[in-house]
Amino acid sequence: MVVDGTPLSEPYLGSNFPYTPGKLDCSTTPRSLRCFGPVAVPKDSYLMLGDNRTDSSDSAYRCRSSEATPSEDCWRWATRDGIVGKASAVLWPVSRMGVVR
């Protein structure tokens, strides 16, 4: 995952899709299901990605394709109005367990 041009470290992922540079990546056919093009997140919306990517019904769920470029309307956005809770604790991984401030 790249955010604003900076690769994002995601050591907390429970699972992710296969990615092998030169064999199964964003430029090969088929391409890795990790790959999708640039995304502009609408105002007051959030791109939500699950920490178990291979089994998450997250914002990118309908956009993952090994062959074709998905349509713009495949994204499922969380909206500010739809967010009703606040994180209060980290339970996993155990090494990061604690209260969220």
PDB file of N, CA and C in Angstrom:
ATOM      1  N   MET A   1       0.855  -1.163   0.000  1.00  0.00           N
ATOM      2  CA  MET A   1       0.000   0.000   0.000  1.00  0.00           C
ATOM      3  C   MET A   1       0.900   1.224   0.000  1.00  0.00           C
ATOM      4  N   VAL A   2       0.551   2.186  -0.859  1.00  0.00           N
ATOM      5  CA  VAL A   2       1.265   3.457  -0.947  1.00  0.00           C
ATOM      6  C   VAL A   2       0.261   4.565  -0.660  1.00  0.00           C
ATOM      7  N   VAL A   3       0.584   5.452   0.266  1.00  0.00           N
ATOM      8  CA  VAL A   3      -0.287   6.575   0.616  1.00  0.00           C
ATOM      9  C   VAL A   3       0.470   7.864   0.335  1.00  0.00           C
ATOM     10  N   ASP A   4      -0.087   8.690  -0.543  1.00  0.00           N
ATOM     11  CA  ASP A   4       0.545   9.957  -0.933  1.00  0.00           C
ATOM     12  C   ASP A   4       2.003   9.759  -1.340  1.00  0.00           C
ATOM     13  N   GLY A   5       2.272   8.678  -2.076  1.00  0.00           N
ATOM     14  CA  GLY A   5       3.608   8.409  -2.595  1.00  0.00           C
ATOM     15  C   GLY A   5       4.556   7.719  -1.638  1.00  0.00           C
ATOM     16  N   THR A   6       4.123   7.437  -0.423  1.00  0.00           N
ATOM     17  CA  THR A   6       4.986   6.807   0.581  1.00  0.00           C
ATOM     18  C   THR A   6       4.494   5.389   0.876  1.00  0.00           C
ATOM     19  N   PRO A   7       5.385   4.373   0.714  1.00  0.00           N
ATOM     20  CA  PRO A   7       4.982   3.004   1.053  1.00  0.00           C
ATOM     21  C   PRO A   7       4.584   2.919   2.531  1.00  0.00           C
ATOM     22  N   LEU A   8       3.505   2.212   2.796  1.00  0.00           N
ATOM     23  CA  LEU A   8       2.987   2.060   4.150  1.00  0.00           C
ATOM     24  C   LEU A   8       3.418   0.709   4.702  1.00  0.00           C
ATOM     25  N   SER A   9       4.055   0.713   5.849  1.00  0.00           N
ATOM     26  CA  SER A   9       4.426  -0.536   6.515  1.00  0.00           C
ATOM     27  C   SER A   9       3.188  -1.075   7.224  1.00  0.00           C
ATOM     28  N   GLU A  10       2.850  -2.335   6.988  1.00  0.00           N
ATOM     29  CA  GLU A  10       1.659  -2.938   7.574  1.00  0.00           C
ATOM     30  C   GLU A  10       1.996  -4.272   8.244  1.00  0.00           C
ATOM     31  N   PRO A  11       2.813  -4.259   9.301  1.00  0.00           N
ATOM     32  CA  PRO A  11       3.209  -5.516   9.945  1.00  0.00           C
ATOM     33  C   PRO A  11       2.068  -6.220  10.667  1.00  0.00           C
ATOM     34  N   TYR A  12       0.945  -5.557  10.842  1.00  0.00           N
ATOM     35  CA  TYR A  12      -0.197  -6.102  11.573  1.00  0.00           C
ATOM     36  C   TYR A  12      -1.092  -6.979  10.713  1.00  0.00           C
ATOM     37  N   LEU A  13      -0.848  -7.068   9.412  1.00  0.00           N
ATOM     38  CA  LEU A  13      -1.742  -7.828   8.540  1.00  0.00           C
ATOM     39  C   LEU A  13      -1.768  -9.300   8.920  1.00  0.00           C
ATOM     40  N   GLY A  14      -2.984  -9.828   9.045  1.00  0.00           N
ATOM     41  CA  GLY A  14      -3.161 -11.243   9.306  1.00  0.00           C
ATOM     42  C   GLY A  14      -2.952 -12.065   8.051  1.00  0.00           C
ATOM     43  N   SER A  15      -3.344 -11.512   6.920  1.00  0.00           N
ATOM     44  CA  SER A  15      -3.138 -12.167   5.637  1.00  0.00           C
ATOM     45  C   SER A  15      -3.139 -11.100   4.553  1.00  0.00           C
ATOM     46  N   ASN A  16      -2.467 -11.405   3.468  1.00  0.00           N
ATOM     47  CA  ASN A  16      -2.456 -10.500   2.330  1.00  0.00           C
ATOM     48  C   ASN A  16      -2.390 -11.345   1.072  1.00  0.00           C
ATOM     49  N   PHE A  17      -2.671 -10.753  -0.047  1.00  0.00           N
ATOM     50  CA  PHE A  17      -2.647 -11.469  -1.316  1.00  0.00           C
ATOM     51  C   PHE A  17      -1.208 -11.667  -1.771  1.00  0.00           C
ATOM     52  N   PRO A  18      -0.943 -12.742  -2.510  1.00  0.00           N
ATOM     53  CA  PRO A  18       0.412 -13.007  -3.003  1.00  0.00           C
ATOM     54  C   PRO A  18       0.927 -11.852  -3.865  1.00  0.00           C
ATOM     55  N   TYR A  19       2.224 -11.607  -3.758  1.00  0.00           N
ATOM     56  CA  TYR A  19       2.892 -10.567  -4.535  1.00  0.00           C
ATOM     57  C   TYR A  19       4.339 -10.995  -4.705  1.00  0.00           C
ATOM     58  N   THR A  20       4.755 -11.241  -5.956  1.00  0.00           N
ATOM     59  CA  THR A  20       6.121 -11.631  -6.260  1.00  0.00           C
ATOM     60  C   THR A  20       6.625 -10.732  -7.376  1.00  0.00           C
ATOM     61  N   PRO A  21       7.563  -9.808  -7.072  1.00  0.00           N
ATOM     62  CA  PRO A  21       8.060  -8.898  -8.101  1.00  0.00           C
ATOM     63  C   PRO A  21       8.518  -9.640  -9.357  1.00  0.00           C
ATOM     64  N   GLY A  22       8.019  -9.175 -10.508  1.00  0.00           N
ATOM     65  CA  GLY A  22       8.380  -9.765 -11.789  1.00  0.00           C
ATOM     66  C   GLY A  22       7.579 -10.990 -12.178  1.00  0.00           C
ATOM     67  N   LYS A  23       6.891 -11.614 -11.253  1.00  0.00           N
ATOM     68  CA  LYS A  23       6.099 -12.816 -11.542  1.00  0.00           C
ATOM     69  C   LYS A  23       4.615 -12.593 -11.293  1.00  0.00           C
ATOM     70  N   LEU A  24       4.302 -11.997 -10.174  1.00  0.00           N
ATOM     71  CA  LEU A  24       2.913 -11.679  -9.832  1.00  0.00           C
ATOM     72  C   LEU A  24       2.954 -10.354  -9.077  1.00  0.00           C
ATOM     73  N   ASP A  25       2.904  -9.260  -9.837  1.00  0.00           N
ATOM     74  CA  ASP A  25       2.945  -7.934  -9.238  1.00  0.00           C
ATOM     75  C   ASP A  25       1.946  -7.037  -9.963  1.00  0.00           C
ATOM     76  N   CYS A  26       2.089  -5.738  -9.849  1.00  0.00           N
ATOM     77  CA  CYS A  26       1.106  -4.816 -10.435  1.00  0.00           C
ATOM     78  C   CYS A  26       1.275  -4.624 -11.938  1.00  0.00           C
ATOM     79  N   SER A  27       2.372  -5.140 -12.521  1.00  0.00           N
ATOM     80  CA  SER A  27       2.594  -4.978 -13.960  1.00  0.00           C
ATOM     81  C   SER A  27       2.454  -6.281 -14.731  1.00  0.00           C
ATOM     82  N   THR A  28       2.219  -7.398 -14.062  1.00  0.00           N
ATOM     83  CA  THR A  28       2.115  -8.687 -14.737  1.00  0.00           C
ATOM     84  C   THR A  28       0.663  -9.009 -15.082  1.00  0.00           C
ATOM     85  N   THR A  29       0.500 -10.005 -15.969  1.00  0.00           N
ATOM     86  CA  THR A  29      -0.825 -10.533 -16.273  1.00  0.00           C
ATOM     87  C   THR A  29      -0.782 -12.024 -15.992  1.00  0.00           C
ATOM     88  N   PRO A  30      -1.565 -12.540 -15.053  1.00  0.00           N
ATOM     89  CA  PRO A  30      -2.463 -11.777 -14.189  1.00  0.00           C
ATOM     90  C   PRO A  30      -1.662 -10.941 -13.196  1.00  0.00           C
ATOM     91  N   ARG A  31      -2.323  -9.960 -12.609  1.00  0.00           N
ATOM     92  CA  ARG A  31      -1.654  -9.117 -11.622  1.00  0.00           C
ATOM     93  C   ARG A  31      -2.059  -9.557 -10.215  1.00  0.00           C
ATOM     94  N   SER A  32      -1.283  -9.117  -9.248  1.00  0.00           N
ATOM     95  CA  SER A  32      -1.582  -9.440  -7.857  1.00  0.00           C
ATOM     96  C   SER A  32      -2.876  -8.745  -7.437  1.00  0.00           C
ATOM     97  N   LEU A  33      -3.657  -9.421  -6.617  1.00  0.00           N
ATOM     98  CA  LEU A  33      -4.890  -8.814  -6.107  1.00  0.00           C
ATOM     99  C   LEU A  33      -4.603  -7.706  -5.092  1.00  0.00           C
ATOM    100  N   ARG A  34      -3.338  -7.513  -4.730  1.00  0.00           N
ATOM    101  CA  ARG A  34      -2.961  -6.374  -3.884  1.00  0.00           C
ATOM    102  C   ARG A  34      -3.050  -5.061  -4.660  1.00  0.00           C
ATOM    103  N   CYS A  35      -3.034  -5.144  -5.976  1.00  0.00           N
ATOM    104  CA  CYS A  35      -2.861  -3.957  -6.816  1.00  0.00           C
ATOM    105  C   CYS A  35      -4.172  -3.324  -7.254  1.00  0.00           C
ATOM    106  N   PHE A  36      -4.220  -2.023  -7.130  1.00  0.00           N
ATOM    107  CA  PHE A  36      -5.248  -1.214  -7.772  1.00  0.00           C
ATOM    108  C   PHE A  36      -4.639   0.161  -7.981  1.00  0.00           C
ATOM    109  N   GLY A  37      -5.182   0.905  -8.916  1.00  0.00           N
ATOM    110  CA  GLY A  37      -4.602   2.194  -9.281  1.00  0.00           C
ATOM    111  C   GLY A  37      -4.824   3.268  -8.233  1.00  0.00           C
ATOM    112  N   PRO A  38      -4.400   4.478  -8.571  1.00  0.00           N
ATOM    113  CA  PRO A  38      -4.594   5.599  -7.645  1.00  0.00           C
ATOM    114  C   PRO A  38      -6.070   5.786  -7.314  1.00  0.00           C
ATOM    115  N   VAL A  39      -6.338   6.164  -6.075  1.00  0.00           N
ATOM    116  CA  VAL A  39      -7.710   6.350  -5.616  1.00  0.00           C
ATOM    117  C   VAL A  39      -7.821   7.722  -4.965  1.00  0.00           C
ATOM    118  N   ALA A  40      -8.798   8.502  -5.394  1.00  0.00           N
ATOM    119  CA  ALA A  40      -9.090   9.782  -4.745  1.00  0.00           C
ATOM    120  C   ALA A  40     -10.275   9.544  -3.812  1.00  0.00           C
ATOM    121  N   VAL A  41     -10.048   9.704  -2.540  1.00  0.00           N
ATOM    122  CA  VAL A  41     -11.095   9.472  -1.546  1.00  0.00           C
ATOM    123  C   VAL A  41     -11.979  10.715  -1.469  1.00  0.00           C
ATOM    124  N   PRO A  42     -13.297  10.544  -1.656  1.00  0.00           N
ATOM    125  CA  PRO A  42     -14.199  11.699  -1.606  1.00  0.00           C
ATOM    126  C   PRO A  42     -14.180  12.390  -0.237  1.00  0.00           C
ATOM    127  N   LYS A  43     -14.514  13.660  -0.245  1.00  0.00           N
ATOM    128  CA  LYS A  43     -14.571  14.445   0.989  1.00  0.00           C
ATOM    129  C   LYS A  43     -15.512  13.778   1.994  1.00  0.00           C
ATOM    130  N   ASP A  44     -15.119  13.803   3.264  1.00  0.00           N
ATOM    131  CA  ASP A  44     -15.888  13.207   4.365  1.00  0.00           C
ATOM    132  C   ASP A  44     -16.100  11.709   4.188  1.00  0.00           C
ATOM    133  N   SER A  45     -15.183  11.064   3.463  1.00  0.00           N
ATOM    134  CA  SER A  45     -15.234   9.616   3.259  1.00  0.00           C
ATOM    135  C   SER A  45     -13.901   9.012   3.665  1.00  0.00           C
ATOM    136  N   TYR A  46     -13.900   7.694   3.869  1.00  0.00           N
ATOM    137  CA  TYR A  46     -12.710   6.999   4.319  1.00  0.00           C
ATOM    138  C   TYR A  46     -12.543   5.705   3.546  1.00  0.00           C
ATOM    139  N   LEU A  47     -11.300   5.414   3.160  1.00  0.00           N
ATOM    140  CA  LEU A  47     -10.950   4.153   2.538  1.00  0.00           C
ATOM    141  C   LEU A  47     -10.604   3.193   3.669  1.00  0.00           C
ATOM    142  N   MET A  48     -11.353   2.133   3.801  1.00  0.00           N
ATOM    143  CA  MET A  48     -11.163   1.177   4.892  1.00  0.00           C
ATOM    144  C   MET A  48     -10.620  -0.130   4.313  1.00  0.00           C
ATOM    145  N   LEU A  49      -9.465  -0.573   4.822  1.00  0.00           N
ATOM    146  CA  LEU A  49      -8.870  -1.829   4.382  1.00  0.00           C
ATOM    147  C   LEU A  49      -8.754  -2.753   5.584  1.00  0.00           C
ATOM    148  N   GLY A  50      -9.229  -3.977   5.411  1.00  0.00           N
ATOM    149  CA  GLY A  50      -9.208  -4.934   6.505  1.00  0.00           C
ATOM    150  C   GLY A  50      -7.801  -5.430   6.819  1.00  0.00           C
ATOM    151  N   ASP A  51      -7.567  -5.852   8.053  1.00  0.00           N
ATOM    152  CA  ASP A  51      -6.253  -6.364   8.427  1.00  0.00           C
ATOM    153  C   ASP A  51      -6.097  -7.835   8.053  1.00  0.00           C
ATOM    154  N   ASN A  52      -7.136  -8.447   7.536  1.00  0.00           N
ATOM    155  CA  ASN A  52      -7.103  -9.802   7.004  1.00  0.00           C
ATOM    156  C   ASN A  52      -7.554  -9.681   5.552  1.00  0.00           C
ATOM    157  N   ARG A  53      -6.684  -9.110   4.705  1.00  0.00           N
ATOM    158  CA  ARG A  53      -7.061  -8.691   3.352  1.00  0.00           C
ATOM    159  C   ARG A  53      -7.684  -9.783   2.505  1.00  0.00           C
ATOM    160  N   THR A  54      -7.248 -11.025   2.666  1.00  0.00           N
ATOM    161  CA  THR A  54      -7.782 -12.095   1.822  1.00  0.00           C
ATOM    162  C   THR A  54      -9.195 -12.498   2.205  1.00  0.00           C
ATOM    163  N   ASP A  55      -9.680 -12.025   3.339  1.00  0.00           N
ATOM    164  CA  ASP A  55     -11.019 -12.396   3.791  1.00  0.00           C
ATOM    165  C   ASP A  55     -11.732 -11.191   4.421  1.00  0.00           C
ATOM    166  N   SER A  56     -11.565 -10.015   3.796  1.00  0.00           N
ATOM    167  CA  SER A  56     -12.209  -8.806   4.309  1.00  0.00           C
ATOM    168  C   SER A  56     -13.176  -8.244   3.278  1.00  0.00           C
ATOM    169  N   SER A  57     -14.305  -7.829   3.739  1.00  0.00           N
ATOM    170  CA  SER A  57     -15.264  -7.140   2.871  1.00  0.00           C
ATOM    171  C   SER A  57     -15.057  -5.640   3.095  1.00  0.00           C
ATOM    172  N   ASP A  58     -13.885  -5.163   2.676  1.00  0.00           N
ATOM    173  CA  ASP A  58     -13.479  -3.786   2.939  1.00  0.00           C
ATOM    174  C   ASP A  58     -13.802  -2.865   1.772  1.00  0.00           C
ATOM    175  N   SER A  59     -13.280  -1.657   1.775  1.00  0.00           N
ATOM    176  CA  SER A  59     -13.570  -0.680   0.722  1.00  0.00           C
ATOM    177  C   SER A  59     -13.136  -1.154  -0.657  1.00  0.00           C
ATOM    178  N   ALA A  60     -12.078  -1.964  -0.724  1.00  0.00           N
ATOM    179  CA  ALA A  60     -11.532  -2.406  -2.009  1.00  0.00           C
ATOM    180  C   ALA A  60     -12.065  -3.758  -2.468  1.00  0.00           C
ATOM    181  N   TYR A  61     -12.928  -4.374  -1.697  1.00  0.00           N
ATOM    182  CA  TYR A  61     -13.396  -5.736  -1.963  1.00  0.00           C
ATOM    183  C   TYR A  61     -13.847  -5.938  -3.412  1.00  0.00           C
ATOM    184  N   ARG A  62     -14.681  -5.048  -3.921  1.00  0.00           N
ATOM    185  CA  ARG A  62     -15.211  -5.204  -5.290  1.00  0.00           C
ATOM    186  C   ARG A  62     -14.231  -4.732  -6.351  1.00  0.00           C
ATOM    187  N   CYS A  63     -13.130  -4.109  -5.958  1.00  0.00           N
ATOM    188  CA  CYS A  63     -12.153  -3.575  -6.908  1.00  0.00           C
ATOM    189  C   CYS A  63     -11.013  -4.545  -7.190  1.00  0.00           C
ATOM    190  N   ARG A  64     -10.884  -5.589  -6.401  1.00  0.00           N
ATOM    191  CA  ARG A  64      -9.773  -6.523  -6.582  1.00  0.00           C
ATOM    192  C   ARG A  64     -10.035  -7.406  -7.797  1.00  0.00           C
ATOM    193  N   SER A  65      -9.104  -7.336  -8.764  1.00  0.00           N
ATOM    194  CA  SER A  65      -9.231  -8.109  -9.986  1.00  0.00           C
ATOM    195  C   SER A  65      -7.840  -8.464 -10.482  1.00  0.00           C
ATOM    196  N   SER A  66      -7.643  -9.698 -10.889  1.00  0.00           N
ATOM    197  CA  SER A  66      -6.332 -10.119 -11.382  1.00  0.00           C
ATOM    198  C   SER A  66      -6.140  -9.795 -12.854  1.00  0.00           C
ATOM    199  N   GLU A  67      -7.191  -9.444 -13.554  1.00  0.00           N
ATOM    200  CA  GLU A  67      -7.097  -9.234 -15.000  1.00  0.00           C
ATOM    201  C   GLU A  67      -7.365  -7.798 -15.446  1.00  0.00           C
ATOM    202  N   ALA A  68      -8.520  -7.284 -15.117  1.00  0.00           N
ATOM    203  CA  ALA A  68      -8.952  -6.009 -15.695  1.00  0.00           C
ATOM    204  C   ALA A  68      -8.897  -4.880 -14.675  1.00  0.00           C
ATOM    205  N   THR A  69      -8.854  -3.681 -15.205  1.00  0.00           N
ATOM    206  CA  THR A  69      -8.931  -2.498 -14.349  1.00  0.00           C
ATOM    207  C   THR A  69     -10.382  -2.335 -13.913  1.00  0.00           C
ATOM    208  N   PRO A  70     -10.638  -2.261 -12.623  1.00  0.00           N
ATOM    209  CA  PRO A  70     -12.020  -2.154 -12.156  1.00  0.00           C
ATOM    210  C   PRO A  70     -12.616  -0.785 -12.471  1.00  0.00           C
ATOM    211  N   SER A  71     -13.922  -0.715 -12.452  1.00  0.00           N
ATOM    212  CA  SER A  71     -14.599   0.559 -12.702  1.00  0.00           C
ATOM    213  C   SER A  71     -14.496   1.455 -11.475  1.00  0.00           C
ATOM    214  N   GLU A  72     -14.654   2.740 -11.686  1.00  0.00           N
ATOM    215  CA  GLU A  72     -14.558   3.725 -10.599  1.00  0.00           C
ATOM    216  C   GLU A  72     -15.598   3.487  -9.504  1.00  0.00           C
ATOM    217  N   ASP A  73     -16.747   2.913  -9.864  1.00  0.00           N
ATOM    218  CA  ASP A  73     -17.818   2.751  -8.878  1.00  0.00           C
ATOM    219  C   ASP A  73     -17.698   1.467  -8.053  1.00  0.00           C
ATOM    220  N   CYS A  74     -16.552   0.786  -8.145  1.00  0.00           N
ATOM    221  CA  CYS A  74     -16.385  -0.437  -7.355  1.00  0.00           C
ATOM    222  C   CYS A  74     -16.082  -0.136  -5.888  1.00  0.00           C
ATOM    223  N   TRP A  75     -15.617   1.068  -5.574  1.00  0.00           N
ATOM    224  CA  TRP A  75     -15.225   1.410  -4.204  1.00  0.00           C
ATOM    225  C   TRP A  75     -16.424   1.523  -3.287  1.00  0.00           C
ATOM    226  N   ARG A  76     -16.232   1.063  -2.059  1.00  0.00           N
ATOM    227  CA  ARG A  76     -17.255   1.186  -1.016  1.00  0.00           C
ATOM    228  C   ARG A  76     -16.674   2.090   0.059  1.00  0.00           C
ATOM    229  N   TRP A  77     -17.189   3.281   0.178  1.00  0.00           N
ATOM    230  CA  TRP A  77     -16.637   4.265   1.106  1.00  0.00           C
ATOM    231  C   TRP A  77     -17.346   4.228   2.450  1.00  0.00           C
ATOM    232  N   ALA A  78     -16.568   4.377   3.502  1.00  0.00           N
ATOM    233  CA  ALA A  78     -17.149   4.657   4.814  1.00  0.00           C
ATOM    234  C   ALA A  78     -17.300   6.177   4.851  1.00  0.00           C
ATOM    235  N   THR A  79     -18.386   6.646   5.399  1.00  0.00           N
ATOM    236  CA  THR A  79     -18.603   8.090   5.469  1.00  0.00           C
ATOM    237  C   THR A  79     -18.552   8.555   6.921  1.00  0.00           C
ATOM    238  N   ARG A  80     -18.242   9.822   7.093  1.00  0.00           N
ATOM    239  CA  ARG A  80     -18.170  10.395   8.445  1.00  0.00           C
ATOM    240  C   ARG A  80     -19.477  10.146   9.194  1.00  0.00           C
ATOM    241  N   ASP A  81     -20.612  10.295   8.524  1.00  0.00           N
ATOM    242  CA  ASP A  81     -21.915  10.065   9.159  1.00  0.00           C
ATOM    243  C   ASP A  81     -22.110   8.614   9.582  1.00  0.00           C
ATOM    244  N   GLY A  82     -21.440   7.683   8.897  1.00  0.00           N
ATOM    245  CA  GLY A  82     -21.606   6.270   9.190  1.00  0.00           C
ATOM    246  C   GLY A  82     -20.685   5.741  10.278  1.00  0.00           C
ATOM    247  N   ILE A  83     -19.733   6.550  10.708  1.00  0.00           N
ATOM    248  CA  ILE A  83     -18.807   6.120  11.755  1.00  0.00           C
ATOM    249  C   ILE A  83     -19.400   6.507  13.098  1.00  0.00           C
ATOM    250  N   VAL A  84     -19.707   5.504  13.898  1.00  0.00           N
ATOM    251  CA  VAL A  84     -20.432   5.769  15.141  1.00  0.00           C
ATOM    252  C   VAL A  84     -19.618   5.456  16.397  1.00  0.00           C
ATOM    253  N   GLY A  85     -18.469   4.862  16.255  1.00  0.00           N
ATOM    254  CA  GLY A  85     -17.692   4.492  17.427  1.00  0.00           C
ATOM    255  C   GLY A  85     -16.300   5.083  17.383  1.00  0.00           C
ATOM    256  N   LYS A  86     -15.573   4.882  18.439  1.00  0.00           N
ATOM    257  CA  LYS A  86     -14.202   5.353  18.548  1.00  0.00           C
ATOM    258  C   LYS A  86     -13.369   4.216  19.126  1.00  0.00           C
ATOM    259  N   ALA A  87     -12.200   3.979  18.517  1.00  0.00           N
ATOM    260  CA  ALA A  87     -11.307   2.943  19.033  1.00  0.00           C
ATOM    261  C   ALA A  87     -10.852   3.323  20.428  1.00  0.00           C
ATOM    262  N   SER A  88     -10.876   2.361  21.338  1.00  0.00           N
ATOM    263  CA  SER A  88     -10.445   2.638  22.703  1.00  0.00           C
ATOM    264  C   SER A  88      -9.300   1.733  23.147  1.00  0.00           C
ATOM    265  N   ALA A  89      -9.068   0.634  22.415  1.00  0.00           N
ATOM    266  CA  ALA A  89      -8.006  -0.287  22.811  1.00  0.00           C
ATOM    267  C   ALA A  89      -7.494  -1.068  21.611  1.00  0.00           C
ATOM    268  N   VAL A  90      -6.231  -1.469  21.675  1.00  0.00           N
ATOM    269  CA  VAL A  90      -5.618  -2.378  20.712  1.00  0.00           C
ATOM    270  C   VAL A  90      -5.488  -3.716  21.426  1.00  0.00           C
ATOM    271  N   LEU A  91      -6.049  -4.764  20.822  1.00  0.00           N
ATOM    272  CA  LEU A  91      -5.986  -6.095  21.429  1.00  0.00           C
ATOM    273  C   LEU A  91      -5.005  -7.008  20.717  1.00  0.00           C
ATOM    274  N   TRP A  92      -4.765  -6.707  19.444  1.00  0.00           N
ATOM    275  CA  TRP A  92      -3.875  -7.553  18.650  1.00  0.00           C
ATOM    276  C   TRP A  92      -3.071  -6.698  17.726  1.00  0.00           C
ATOM    277  N   PRO A  93      -1.812  -6.949  17.546  1.00  0.00           N
ATOM    278  CA  PRO A  93      -1.029  -8.010  18.154  1.00  0.00           C
ATOM    279  C   PRO A  93      -0.769  -7.723  19.634  1.00  0.00           C
ATOM    280  N   VAL A  94      -0.504  -8.778  20.376  1.00  0.00           N
ATOM    281  CA  VAL A  94      -0.323  -8.653  21.812  1.00  0.00           C
ATOM    282  C   VAL A  94       0.792  -7.649  22.135  1.00  0.00           C
ATOM    283  N   SER A  95       1.816  -7.582  21.293  1.00  0.00           N
ATOM    284  CA  SER A  95       2.937  -6.677  21.555  1.00  0.00           C
ATOM    285  C   SER A  95       2.517  -5.206  21.522  1.00  0.00           C
ATOM    286  N   ARG A  96       1.364  -4.900  20.925  1.00  0.00           N
ATOM    287  CA  ARG A  96       0.866  -3.522  20.869  1.00  0.00           C
ATOM    288  C   ARG A  96      -0.368  -3.323  21.728  1.00  0.00           C
ATOM    289  N   MET A  97      -0.728  -4.297  22.527  1.00  0.00           N
ATOM    290  CA  MET A  97      -1.930  -4.209  23.344  1.00  0.00           C
ATOM    291  C   MET A  97      -1.856  -2.985  24.252  1.00  0.00           C
ATOM    292  N   GLY A  98      -2.977  -2.271  24.313  1.00  0.00           N
ATOM    293  CA  GLY A  98      -3.017  -1.102  25.196  1.00  0.00           C
ATOM    294  C   GLY A  98      -4.179  -0.188  24.874  1.00  0.00           C
ATOM    295  N   VAL A  99      -4.235   0.902  25.582  1.00  0.00           N
ATOM    296  CA  VAL A  99      -5.292   1.893  25.431  1.00  0.00           C
ATOM    297  C   VAL A  99      -4.936   2.845  24.291  1.00  0.00           C
ATOM    298  N   VAL A 100      -5.930   3.200  23.472  1.00  0.00           N
ATOM    299  CA  VAL A 100      -5.739   4.172  22.401  1.00  0.00           C
ATOM    300  C   VAL A 100      -6.050   5.552  22.961  1.00  0.00           C
ATOM    301  N   ARG A 101      -5.160   6.469  22.782  1.00  0.00           N
ATOM    302  CA  ARG A 101      -5.365   7.832  23.297  1.00  0.00           C
ATOM    303  C   ARG A 101      -5.586   8.786  22.176  1.00  0.00           C
TER     304      ARG A 101
END
